[in-house]
Amino acid sequence: MYFLYIIECGDGSLYTGITTNVDRRLSEHKKGKGGHYTSSKKIIRVLYSEEHPDRSSALKRESEIKNWKRNKKLVLVLNKRKSL
């Protein structure tokens, strides 16, 4: 099981990644052990996550979302919150 996630950084930027454990990965990012981009950012929180059955589908979705503009990512986050 894999998860795609979007985290909010202290500078207002959004970072998208995949992992098998969102809580562990968030902790790594906060400690500066995450991706290169987040190592120099203050990590605020996970805004969004979605489950995928395998690494391949998670990577495809990550690639799709990374090509989106910020506003489209925020719409995804807001729509998930509305459905909860």
C-alpha atoms as a PDB file:
ATOM      1  CA  MET A   1       0.000   0.000   0.000  1.00  0.00           C
ATOM      2  CA  TYR A   2       1.313   3.428  -0.979  1.00  0.00           C
ATOM      3  CA  PHE A   3       0.105   6.932  -0.254  1.00  0.00           C
ATOM      4  CA  LEU A   4       0.383  10.105  -2.246  1.00  0.00           C
ATOM      5  CA  TYR A   5       0.598  13.152   0.035  1.00  0.00           C
ATOM      6  CA  ILE A   6       0.732  16.927  -0.189  1.00  0.00           C
ATOM      7  CA  ILE A   7       2.398  18.877   2.604  1.00  0.00           C
ATOM      8  CA  GLU A   8       2.326  22.573   3.351  1.00  0.00           C
ATOM      9  CA  CYS A   9       5.687  24.270   3.836  1.00  0.00           C
ATOM     10  CA  GLY A  10       6.405  27.322   5.981  1.00  0.00           C
ATOM     11  CA  ASP A  11       6.918  29.528   2.950  1.00  0.00           C
ATOM     12  CA  GLY A  12       3.428  28.639   1.681  1.00  0.00           C
ATOM     13  CA  SER A  13       4.645  26.233  -0.977  1.00  0.00           C
ATOM     14  CA  LEU A  14       3.216  22.743  -1.435  1.00  0.00           C
ATOM     15  CA  TYR A  15       5.247  19.561  -1.743  1.00  0.00           C
ATOM     16  CA  THR A  16       3.881  16.357  -3.257  1.00  0.00           C
ATOM     17  CA  GLY A  17       5.402  12.939  -2.628  1.00  0.00           C
ATOM     18  CA  ILE A  18       4.667   9.254  -2.085  1.00  0.00           C
ATOM     19  CA  THR A  19       5.349   6.933   0.834  1.00  0.00           C
ATOM     20  CA  THR A  20       4.220   3.746   2.526  1.00  0.00           C
ATOM     21  CA  ASN A  21       3.729   5.579   5.840  1.00  0.00           C
ATOM     22  CA  VAL A  22       2.572   9.211   5.863  1.00  0.00           C
ATOM     23  CA  ASP A  23       3.261   9.867   9.570  1.00  0.00           C
ATOM     24  CA  ARG A  24       6.805   8.505   9.350  1.00  0.00           C
ATOM     25  CA  ARG A  25       7.505  10.466   6.170  1.00  0.00           C
ATOM     26  CA  LEU A  26       6.173  13.702   7.666  1.00  0.00           C
ATOM     27  CA  SER A  27       8.468  13.179  10.656  1.00  0.00           C
ATOM     28  CA  GLU A  28      11.427  12.666   8.302  1.00  0.00           C
ATOM     29  CA  HIS A  29      10.588  15.847   6.415  1.00  0.00           C
ATOM     30  CA  LYS A  30      10.331  17.811   9.664  1.00  0.00           C
ATOM     31  CA  LYS A  31      13.766  16.543  10.715  1.00  0.00           C
ATOM     32  CA  GLY A  32      15.277  17.644   7.401  1.00  0.00           C
ATOM     33  CA  LYS A  33      15.693  14.059   6.209  1.00  0.00           C
ATOM     34  CA  GLY A  34      12.990  14.275   3.557  1.00  0.00           C
ATOM     35  CA  GLY A  35      13.447  15.271  -0.035  1.00  0.00           C
ATOM     36  CA  HIS A  36      15.960  17.889  -1.111  1.00  0.00           C
ATOM     37  CA  TYR A  37      13.238  20.513  -1.557  1.00  0.00           C
ATOM     38  CA  THR A  38      11.845  20.133   1.952  1.00  0.00           C
ATOM     39  CA  SER A  39      15.194  19.902   3.726  1.00  0.00           C
ATOM     40  CA  SER A  40      15.478  23.702   3.644  1.00  0.00           C
ATOM     41  CA  LYS A  41      11.801  24.375   4.426  1.00  0.00           C
ATOM     42  CA  LYS A  42       9.834  24.415   7.639  1.00  0.00           C
ATOM     43  CA  ILE A  43       7.204  21.705   7.254  1.00  0.00           C
ATOM     44  CA  ILE A  44       3.797  22.653   8.623  1.00  0.00           C
ATOM     45  CA  ARG A  45       1.407  19.745   8.029  1.00  0.00           C
ATOM     46  CA  VAL A  46      -0.022  17.171   5.689  1.00  0.00           C
ATOM     47  CA  LEU A  47      -2.847  18.789   3.731  1.00  0.00           C
ATOM     48  CA  TYR A  48      -3.902  15.778   1.704  1.00  0.00           C
ATOM     49  CA  SER A  49      -3.274  12.088   1.217  1.00  0.00           C
ATOM     50  CA  GLU A  50      -4.757   9.341  -0.891  1.00  0.00           C
ATOM     51  CA  GLU A  51      -4.208   5.599  -0.884  1.00  0.00           C
ATOM     52  CA  HIS A  52      -2.876   3.602  -3.835  1.00  0.00           C
ATOM     53  CA  PRO A  53      -2.609  -0.168  -4.205  1.00  0.00           C
ATOM     54  CA  ASP A  54       0.968  -0.100  -5.508  1.00  0.00           C
ATOM     55  CA  ARG A  55       4.010   2.079  -6.086  1.00  0.00           C
ATOM     56  CA  SER A  56       3.363   2.389  -9.809  1.00  0.00           C
ATOM     57  CA  SER A  57      -0.083   3.955  -9.440  1.00  0.00           C
ATOM     58  CA  ALA A  58       1.165   6.273  -6.678  1.00  0.00           C
ATOM     59  CA  LEU A  59       4.057   7.451  -8.866  1.00  0.00           C
ATOM     60  CA  LYS A  60       1.715   8.112 -11.789  1.00  0.00           C
ATOM     61  CA  ARG A  61      -0.593  10.166  -9.593  1.00  0.00           C
ATOM     62  CA  GLU A  62       2.364  12.036  -8.068  1.00  0.00           C
ATOM     63  CA  SER A  63       3.599  12.955 -11.526  1.00  0.00           C
ATOM     64  CA  GLU A  64       0.130  14.145 -12.514  1.00  0.00           C
ATOM     65  CA  ILE A  65      -0.302  16.340  -9.443  1.00  0.00           C
ATOM     66  CA  LYS A  66       3.233  17.765  -9.566  1.00  0.00           C
ATOM     67  CA  ASN A  67       2.356  19.192 -12.979  1.00  0.00           C
ATOM     68  CA  TRP A  68      -0.677  21.020 -11.609  1.00  0.00           C
ATOM     69  CA  LYS A  69      -0.648  24.669 -10.607  1.00  0.00           C
ATOM     70  CA  ARG A  70      -0.993  25.503  -6.907  1.00  0.00           C
ATOM     71  CA  ASN A  71      -4.673  26.487  -7.174  1.00  0.00           C
ATOM     72  CA  LYS A  72      -5.653  23.133  -8.653  1.00  0.00           C
ATOM     73  CA  LYS A  73      -3.844  21.341  -5.815  1.00  0.00           C
ATOM     74  CA  LEU A  74      -5.702  23.459  -3.260  1.00  0.00           C
ATOM     75  CA  VAL A  75      -9.034  22.608  -4.901  1.00  0.00           C
ATOM     76  CA  LEU A  76      -8.154  18.910  -4.490  1.00  0.00           C
ATOM     77  CA  VAL A  77      -7.425  19.496  -0.791  1.00  0.00           C
ATOM     78  CA  LEU A  78     -10.649  21.468  -0.255  1.00  0.00           C
ATOM     79  CA  ASN A  79     -12.789  18.897  -2.061  1.00  0.00           C
ATOM     80  CA  LYS A  80     -11.439  16.120   0.148  1.00  0.00           C
ATOM     81  CA  ARG A  81     -12.225  18.120   3.282  1.00  0.00           C
ATOM     82  CA  LYS A  82     -15.782  18.767   2.079  1.00  0.00           C
ATOM     83  CA  SER A  83     -16.337  15.043   1.555  1.00  0.00           C
ATOM     84  CA  LEU A  84     -15.245  14.117   5.100  1.00  0.00           C
END
